[in-house]
Amino acid sequence: MTPNTFRMPTNTGCAGDVDRFQAVIDNDLATGHTTKGVHGRVSAEIASARSSCAAGNEARAASQIRSTKAKFGYPG
């Protein structure tokens, strides 16, 4: 169960998309809905999207997030 202290990041743009997906996967690990191995693989892909976003490539970051979500069964 997600703790009542969980707050979804509210920033905007690709940074917000990246931060929100990381928050979801972190929460899934904390609540036992995923394994450390899956968390590590998803987090690595999120880090790549974060780098694309930081470099100003919002379209690539968005594509990476969509791809990672689809690959690991998260809704788009």
PDB file of N, CA and C in Angstrom:
ATOM      1  N   MET A   1       0.844  -1.173   0.000  1.00  0.00           N
ATOM      2  CA  MET A   1       0.000   0.000   0.000  1.00  0.00           C
ATOM      3  C   MET A   1       0.889   1.236   0.000  1.00  0.00           C
ATOM      4  N   THR A   2       0.522   2.179  -0.833  1.00  0.00           N
ATOM      5  CA  THR A   2       1.272   3.424  -0.907  1.00  0.00           C
ATOM      6  C   THR A   2       1.067   4.219   0.378  1.00  0.00           C
ATOM      7  N   PRO A   3       2.157   4.687   0.997  1.00  0.00           N
ATOM      8  CA  PRO A   3       2.007   5.456   2.238  1.00  0.00           C
ATOM      9  C   PRO A   3       1.309   6.787   1.983  1.00  0.00           C
ATOM     10  N   ASN A   4       0.604   7.283   2.979  1.00  0.00           N
ATOM     11  CA  ASN A   4      -0.115   8.549   2.819  1.00  0.00           C
ATOM     12  C   ASN A   4       0.825   9.742   2.719  1.00  0.00           C
ATOM     13  N   THR A   5       2.104   9.533   2.917  1.00  0.00           N
ATOM     14  CA  THR A   5       3.087  10.610   2.777  1.00  0.00           C
ATOM     15  C   THR A   5       3.614  10.723   1.347  1.00  0.00           C
ATOM     16  N   PHE A   6       3.244   9.770   0.476  1.00  0.00           N
ATOM     17  CA  PHE A   6       3.718   9.795  -0.906  1.00  0.00           C
ATOM     18  C   PHE A   6       3.140  10.998  -1.631  1.00  0.00           C
ATOM     19  N   ARG A   7       4.006  11.729  -2.309  1.00  0.00           N
ATOM     20  CA  ARG A   7       3.581  12.875  -3.110  1.00  0.00           C
ATOM     21  C   ARG A   7       4.213  12.751  -4.489  1.00  0.00           C
ATOM     22  N   MET A   8       3.390  12.878  -5.505  1.00  0.00           N
ATOM     23  CA  MET A   8       3.873  12.839  -6.868  1.00  0.00           C
ATOM     24  C   MET A   8       4.540  14.182  -7.181  1.00  0.00           C
ATOM     25  N   PRO A   9       5.735  14.154  -7.797  1.00  0.00           N
ATOM     26  CA  PRO A   9       6.387  15.414  -8.176  1.00  0.00           C
ATOM     27  C   PRO A   9       5.475  16.236  -9.089  1.00  0.00           C
ATOM     28  N   THR A  10       5.531  17.548  -8.941  1.00  0.00           N
ATOM     29  CA  THR A  10       4.626  18.421  -9.692  1.00  0.00           C
ATOM     30  C   THR A  10       5.331  19.289 -10.721  1.00  0.00           C
ATOM     31  N   ASN A  11       6.646  19.094 -10.900  1.00  0.00           N
ATOM     32  CA  ASN A  11       7.326  19.919 -11.893  1.00  0.00           C
ATOM     33  C   ASN A  11       6.806  19.573 -13.289  1.00  0.00           C
ATOM     34  N   THR A  12       7.117  20.420 -14.260  1.00  0.00           N
ATOM     35  CA  THR A  12       6.540  20.302 -15.592  1.00  0.00           C
ATOM     36  C   THR A  12       7.576  19.854 -16.617  1.00  0.00           C
ATOM     37  N   GLY A  13       7.099  19.671 -17.837  1.00  0.00           N
ATOM     38  CA  GLY A  13       7.977  19.312 -18.940  1.00  0.00           C
ATOM     39  C   GLY A  13       8.554  17.919 -18.782  1.00  0.00           C
ATOM     40  N   CYS A  14       9.631  17.682 -19.528  1.00  0.00           N
ATOM     41  CA  CYS A  14      10.219  16.341 -19.490  1.00  0.00           C
ATOM     42  C   CYS A  14      10.801  16.029 -18.115  1.00  0.00           C
ATOM     43  N   ALA A  15      11.292  17.033 -17.414  1.00  0.00           N
ATOM     44  CA  ALA A  15      11.821  16.788 -16.064  1.00  0.00           C
ATOM     45  C   ALA A  15      10.714  16.271 -15.147  1.00  0.00           C
ATOM     46  N   GLY A  16       9.525  16.813 -15.289  1.00  0.00           N
ATOM     47  CA  GLY A  16       8.394  16.341 -14.499  1.00  0.00           C
ATOM     48  C   GLY A  16       8.015  14.916 -14.839  1.00  0.00           C
ATOM     49  N   ASP A  17       7.998  14.607 -16.139  1.00  0.00           N
ATOM     50  CA  ASP A  17       7.681  13.242 -16.567  1.00  0.00           C
ATOM     51  C   ASP A  17       8.685  12.245 -16.006  1.00  0.00           C
ATOM     52  N   VAL A  18       9.959  12.602 -16.076  1.00  0.00           N
ATOM     53  CA  VAL A  18      11.027  11.737 -15.571  1.00  0.00           C
ATOM     54  C   VAL A  18      10.892  11.562 -14.058  1.00  0.00           C
ATOM     55  N   ASP A  19      10.724  12.664 -13.346  1.00  0.00           N
ATOM     56  CA  ASP A  19      10.627  12.601 -11.884  1.00  0.00           C
ATOM     57  C   ASP A  19       9.402  11.818 -11.419  1.00  0.00           C
ATOM     58  N   ARG A  20       8.276  11.988 -12.127  1.00  0.00           N
ATOM     59  CA  ARG A  20       7.066  11.261 -11.733  1.00  0.00           C
ATOM     60  C   ARG A  20       7.225   9.755 -11.947  1.00  0.00           C
ATOM     61  N   PHE A  21       7.820   9.357 -13.064  1.00  0.00           N
ATOM     62  CA  PHE A  21       7.998   7.925 -13.296  1.00  0.00           C
ATOM     63  C   PHE A  21       8.984   7.341 -12.290  1.00  0.00           C
ATOM     64  N   GLN A  22      10.031   8.094 -11.958  1.00  0.00           N
ATOM     65  CA  GLN A  22      10.978   7.609 -10.944  1.00  0.00           C
ATOM     66  C   GLN A  22      10.276   7.467  -9.595  1.00  0.00           C
ATOM     67  N   ALA A  23       9.400   8.415  -9.265  1.00  0.00           N
ATOM     68  CA  ALA A  23       8.657   8.335  -8.001  1.00  0.00           C
ATOM     69  C   ALA A  23       7.769   7.093  -7.969  1.00  0.00           C
ATOM     70  N   VAL A  24       7.139   6.784  -9.093  1.00  0.00           N
ATOM     71  CA  VAL A  24       6.276   5.600  -9.165  1.00  0.00           C
ATOM     72  C   VAL A  24       7.094   4.330  -8.978  1.00  0.00           C
ATOM     73  N   ILE A  25       8.216   4.217  -9.685  1.00  0.00           N
ATOM     74  CA  ILE A  25       9.017   2.994  -9.583  1.00  0.00           C
ATOM     75  C   ILE A  25       9.647   2.874  -8.193  1.00  0.00           C
ATOM     76  N   ASP A  26      10.046   4.003  -7.600  1.00  0.00           N
ATOM     77  CA  ASP A  26      10.572   3.966  -6.229  1.00  0.00           C
ATOM     78  C   ASP A  26       9.494   3.500  -5.252  1.00  0.00           C
ATOM     79  N   ASN A  27       8.274   4.000  -5.439  1.00  0.00           N
ATOM     80  CA  ASN A  27       7.171   3.588  -4.578  1.00  0.00           C
ATOM     81  C   ASN A  27       6.855   2.107  -4.782  1.00  0.00           C
ATOM     82  N   ASP A  28       6.905   1.654  -6.024  1.00  0.00           N
ATOM     83  CA  ASP A  28       6.647   0.236  -6.286  1.00  0.00           C
ATOM     84  C   ASP A  28       7.670  -0.652  -5.582  1.00  0.00           C
ATOM     85  N   LEU A  29       8.915  -0.226  -5.550  1.00  0.00           N
ATOM     86  CA  LEU A  29       9.932  -0.995  -4.828  1.00  0.00           C
ATOM     87  C   LEU A  29       9.646  -0.974  -3.326  1.00  0.00           C
ATOM     88  N   ALA A  30       9.348   0.207  -2.801  1.00  0.00           N
ATOM     89  CA  ALA A  30       9.117   0.356  -1.361  1.00  0.00           C
ATOM     90  C   ALA A  30       7.906  -0.444  -0.881  1.00  0.00           C
ATOM     91  N   THR A  31       6.915  -0.605  -1.755  1.00  0.00           N
ATOM     92  CA  THR A  31       5.697  -1.310  -1.359  1.00  0.00           C
ATOM     93  C   THR A  31       5.694  -2.776  -1.788  1.00  0.00           C
ATOM     94  N   GLY A  32       6.803  -3.235  -2.359  1.00  0.00           N
ATOM     95  CA  GLY A  32       6.913  -4.633  -2.737  1.00  0.00           C
ATOM     96  C   GLY A  32       6.266  -5.013  -4.051  1.00  0.00           C
ATOM     97  N   HIS A  33       5.931  -4.029  -4.873  1.00  0.00           N
ATOM     98  CA  HIS A  33       5.292  -4.315  -6.157  1.00  0.00           C
ATOM     99  C   HIS A  33       6.283  -4.562  -7.283  1.00  0.00           C
ATOM    100  N   THR A  34       7.568  -4.414  -7.002  1.00  0.00           N
ATOM    101  CA  THR A  34       8.604  -4.755  -7.972  1.00  0.00           C
ATOM    102  C   THR A  34       9.840  -5.221  -7.212  1.00  0.00           C
ATOM    103  N   THR A  35      10.763  -5.790  -7.931  1.00  0.00           N
ATOM    104  CA  THR A  35      11.996  -6.281  -7.314  1.00  0.00           C
ATOM    105  C   THR A  35      13.112  -5.253  -7.453  1.00  0.00           C
ATOM    106  N   LYS A  36      14.170  -5.436  -6.673  1.00  0.00           N
ATOM    107  CA  LYS A  36      15.323  -4.539  -6.780  1.00  0.00           C
ATOM    108  C   LYS A  36      15.933  -4.600  -8.173  1.00  0.00           C
ATOM    109  N   GLY A  37      15.956  -5.787  -8.756  1.00  0.00           N
ATOM    110  CA  GLY A  37      16.519  -5.934 -10.094  1.00  0.00           C
ATOM    111  C   GLY A  37      15.756  -5.142 -11.139  1.00  0.00           C
ATOM    112  N   VAL A  38      14.433  -5.267 -11.123  1.00  0.00           N
ATOM    113  CA  VAL A  38      13.606  -4.510 -12.067  1.00  0.00           C
ATOM    114  C   VAL A  38      13.734  -3.021 -11.778  1.00  0.00           C
ATOM    115  N   HIS A  39      13.706  -2.652 -10.504  1.00  0.00           N
ATOM    116  CA  HIS A  39      13.857  -1.243 -10.138  1.00  0.00           C
ATOM    117  C   HIS A  39      15.159  -0.685 -10.702  1.00  0.00           C
ATOM    118  N   GLY A  40      16.232  -1.433 -10.579  1.00  0.00           N
ATOM    119  CA  GLY A  40      17.519  -0.976 -11.089  1.00  0.00           C
ATOM    120  C   GLY A  40      17.521  -0.801 -12.593  1.00  0.00           C
ATOM    121  N   ARG A  41      16.905  -1.744 -13.309  1.00  0.00           N
ATOM    122  CA  ARG A  41      16.858  -1.639 -14.770  1.00  0.00           C
ATOM    123  C   ARG A  41      15.995  -0.468 -15.212  1.00  0.00           C
ATOM    124  N   VAL A  42      14.835  -0.305 -14.592  1.00  0.00           N
ATOM    125  CA  VAL A  42      13.959   0.815 -14.941  1.00  0.00           C
ATOM    126  C   VAL A  42      14.642   2.138 -14.592  1.00  0.00           C
ATOM    127  N   SER A  43      15.254   2.213 -13.420  1.00  0.00           N
ATOM    128  CA  SER A  43      15.926   3.449 -13.002  1.00  0.00           C
ATOM    129  C   SER A  43      17.055   3.822 -13.950  1.00  0.00           C
ATOM    130  N   ALA A  44      17.771   2.828 -14.473  1.00  0.00           N
ATOM    131  CA  ALA A  44      18.839   3.109 -15.440  1.00  0.00           C
ATOM    132  C   ALA A  44      18.261   3.714 -16.715  1.00  0.00           C
ATOM    133  N   GLU A  45      17.134   3.193 -17.156  1.00  0.00           N
ATOM    134  CA  GLU A  45      16.503   3.749 -18.353  1.00  0.00           C
ATOM    135  C   GLU A  45      15.939   5.143 -18.079  1.00  0.00           C
ATOM    136  N   ILE A  46      15.410   5.355 -16.882  1.00  0.00           N
ATOM    137  CA  ILE A  46      14.932   6.686 -16.508  1.00  0.00           C
ATOM    138  C   ILE A  46      16.103   7.665 -16.477  1.00  0.00           C
ATOM    139  N   ALA A  47      17.256   7.228 -15.990  1.00  0.00           N
ATOM    140  CA  ALA A  47      18.443   8.092 -15.948  1.00  0.00           C
ATOM    141  C   ALA A  47      18.852   8.521 -17.349  1.00  0.00           C
ATOM    142  N   SER A  48      18.722   7.635 -18.308  1.00  0.00           N
ATOM    143  CA  SER A  48      19.033   7.988 -19.693  1.00  0.00           C
ATOM    144  C   SER A  48      18.062   9.054 -20.205  1.00  0.00           C
ATOM    145  N   ALA A  49      16.786   8.903 -19.880  1.00  0.00           N
ATOM    146  CA  ALA A  49      15.790   9.907 -20.262  1.00  0.00           C
ATOM    147  C   ALA A  49      16.071  11.233 -19.557  1.00  0.00           C
ATOM    148  N   ARG A  50      16.503  11.172 -18.309  1.00  0.00           N
ATOM    149  CA  ARG A  50      16.842  12.381 -17.558  1.00  0.00           C
ATOM    150  C   ARG A  50      17.996  13.127 -18.249  1.00  0.00           C
ATOM    151  N   SER A  51      18.968  12.382 -18.738  1.00  0.00           N
ATOM    152  CA  SER A  51      20.100  12.992 -19.449  1.00  0.00           C
ATOM    153  C   SER A  51      19.641  13.649 -20.745  1.00  0.00           C
ATOM    154  N   SER A  52      18.766  12.984 -21.474  1.00  0.00           N
ATOM    155  CA  SER A  52      18.226  13.572 -22.706  1.00  0.00           C
ATOM    156  C   SER A  52      17.484  14.860 -22.397  1.00  0.00           C
ATOM    157  N   CYS A  53      16.693  14.839 -21.347  1.00  0.00           N
ATOM    158  CA  CYS A  53      15.940  16.025 -20.936  1.00  0.00           C
ATOM    159  C   CYS A  53      16.881  17.164 -20.562  1.00  0.00           C
ATOM    160  N   ALA A  54      17.896  16.855 -19.766  1.00  0.00           N
ATOM    161  CA  ALA A  54      18.851  17.878 -19.324  1.00  0.00           C
ATOM    162  C   ALA A  54      19.611  18.477 -20.499  1.00  0.00           C
ATOM    163  N   ALA A  55      19.789  17.691 -21.561  1.00  0.00           N
ATOM    164  CA  ALA A  55      20.485  18.173 -22.756  1.00  0.00           C
ATOM    165  C   ALA A  55      19.552  18.974 -23.665  1.00  0.00           C
ATOM    166  N   GLY A  56      18.294  19.115 -23.258  1.00  0.00           N
ATOM    167  CA  GLY A  56      17.342  19.902 -24.030  1.00  0.00           C
ATOM    168  C   GLY A  56      16.578  19.109 -25.078  1.00  0.00           C
ATOM    169  N   ASN A  57      16.711  17.803 -25.072  1.00  0.00           N
ATOM    170  CA  ASN A  57      16.037  16.968 -26.055  1.00  0.00           C
ATOM    171  C   ASN A  57      14.771  16.370 -25.437  1.00  0.00           C
ATOM    172  N   GLU A  58      13.748  17.223 -25.316  1.00  0.00           N
ATOM    173  CA  GLU A  58      12.503  16.800 -24.672  1.00  0.00           C
ATOM    174  C   GLU A  58      11.805  15.676 -25.422  1.00  0.00           C
ATOM    175  N   ALA A  59      11.835  15.728 -26.755  1.00  0.00           N
ATOM    176  CA  ALA A  59      11.164  14.694 -27.545  1.00  0.00           C
ATOM    177  C   ALA A  59      11.809  13.329 -27.307  1.00  0.00           C
ATOM    178  N   ARG A  60      13.123  13.293 -27.268  1.00  0.00           N
ATOM    179  CA  ARG A  60      13.816  12.022 -27.023  1.00  0.00           C
ATOM    180  C   ARG A  60      13.512  11.519 -25.611  1.00  0.00           C
ATOM    181  N   ALA A  61      13.537  12.416 -24.630  1.00  0.00           N
ATOM    182  CA  ALA A  61      13.244  12.015 -23.252  1.00  0.00           C
ATOM    183  C   ALA A  61      11.834  11.439 -23.149  1.00  0.00           C
ATOM    184  N   ALA A  62      10.871  12.098 -23.783  1.00  0.00           N
ATOM    185  CA  ALA A  62       9.488  11.617 -23.747  1.00  0.00           C
ATOM    186  C   ALA A  62       9.380  10.246 -24.402  1.00  0.00           C
ATOM    187  N   SER A  63      10.073  10.074 -25.519  1.00  0.00           N
ATOM    188  CA  SER A  63      10.069   8.788 -26.210  1.00  0.00           C
ATOM    189  C   SER A  63      10.693   7.692 -25.347  1.00  0.00           C
ATOM    190  N   GLN A  64      11.780   8.016 -24.675  1.00  0.00           N
ATOM    191  CA  GLN A  64      12.438   7.042 -23.802  1.00  0.00           C
ATOM    192  C   GLN A  64      11.527   6.630 -22.646  1.00  0.00           C
ATOM    193  N   ILE A  65      10.843   7.593 -22.057  1.00  0.00           N
ATOM    194  CA  ILE A  65       9.932   7.287 -20.948  1.00  0.00           C
ATOM    195  C   ILE A  65       8.790   6.405 -21.444  1.00  0.00           C
ATOM    196  N   ARG A  66       8.196   6.760 -22.589  1.00  0.00           N
ATOM    197  CA  ARG A  66       7.107   5.940 -23.143  1.00  0.00           C
ATOM    198  C   ARG A  66       7.575   4.511 -23.405  1.00  0.00           C
ATOM    199  N   SER A  67       8.750   4.395 -23.994  1.00  0.00           N
ATOM    200  CA  SER A  67       9.303   3.080 -24.314  1.00  0.00           C
ATOM    201  C   SER A  67       9.549   2.245 -23.053  1.00  0.00           C
ATOM    202  N   THR A  68      10.119   2.868 -22.039  1.00  0.00           N
ATOM    203  CA  THR A  68      10.397   2.157 -20.786  1.00  0.00           C
ATOM    204  C   THR A  68       9.101   1.725 -20.109  1.00  0.00           C
ATOM    205  N   LYS A  69       8.120   2.604 -20.096  1.00  0.00           N
ATOM    206  CA  LYS A  69       6.831   2.240 -19.495  1.00  0.00           C
ATOM    207  C   LYS A  69       6.224   1.041 -20.208  1.00  0.00           C
ATOM    208  N   ALA A  70       6.238   1.062 -21.535  1.00  0.00           N
ATOM    209  CA  ALA A  70       5.669  -0.045 -22.306  1.00  0.00           C
ATOM    210  C   ALA A  70       6.448  -1.339 -22.064  1.00  0.00           C
ATOM    211  N   LYS A  71       7.750  -1.233 -22.043  1.00  0.00           N
ATOM    212  CA  LYS A  71       8.618  -2.403 -21.865  1.00  0.00           C
ATOM    213  C   LYS A  71       8.375  -3.103 -20.530  1.00  0.00           C
ATOM    214  N   PHE A  72       8.110  -2.312 -19.488  1.00  0.00           N
ATOM    215  CA  PHE A  72       7.959  -2.875 -18.145  1.00  0.00           C
ATOM    216  C   PHE A  72       6.504  -2.932 -17.670  1.00  0.00           C
ATOM    217  N   GLY A  73       5.556  -2.654 -18.577  1.00  0.00           N
ATOM    218  CA  GLY A  73       4.146  -2.831 -18.256  1.00  0.00           C
ATOM    219  C   GLY A  73       3.490  -1.714 -17.470  1.00  0.00           C
ATOM    220  N   TYR A  74       4.036  -0.504 -17.569  1.00  0.00           N
ATOM    221  CA  TYR A  74       3.420   0.645 -16.905  1.00  0.00           C
ATOM    222  C   TYR A  74       2.544   1.381 -17.905  1.00  0.00           C
ATOM    223  N   PRO A  75       1.408   1.921 -17.470  1.00  0.00           N
ATOM    224  CA  PRO A  75       0.541   2.637 -18.404  1.00  0.00           C
ATOM    225  C   PRO A  75       1.234   3.882 -18.951  1.00  0.00           C
ATOM    226  N   GLY A  76       0.936   4.173 -20.206  1.00  0.00           N
ATOM    227  CA  GLY A  76       1.576   5.274 -20.913  1.00  0.00           C
ATOM    228  C   GLY A  76       1.148   6.605 -20.467  1.00  0.00           C
TER     229      GLY A  76
END
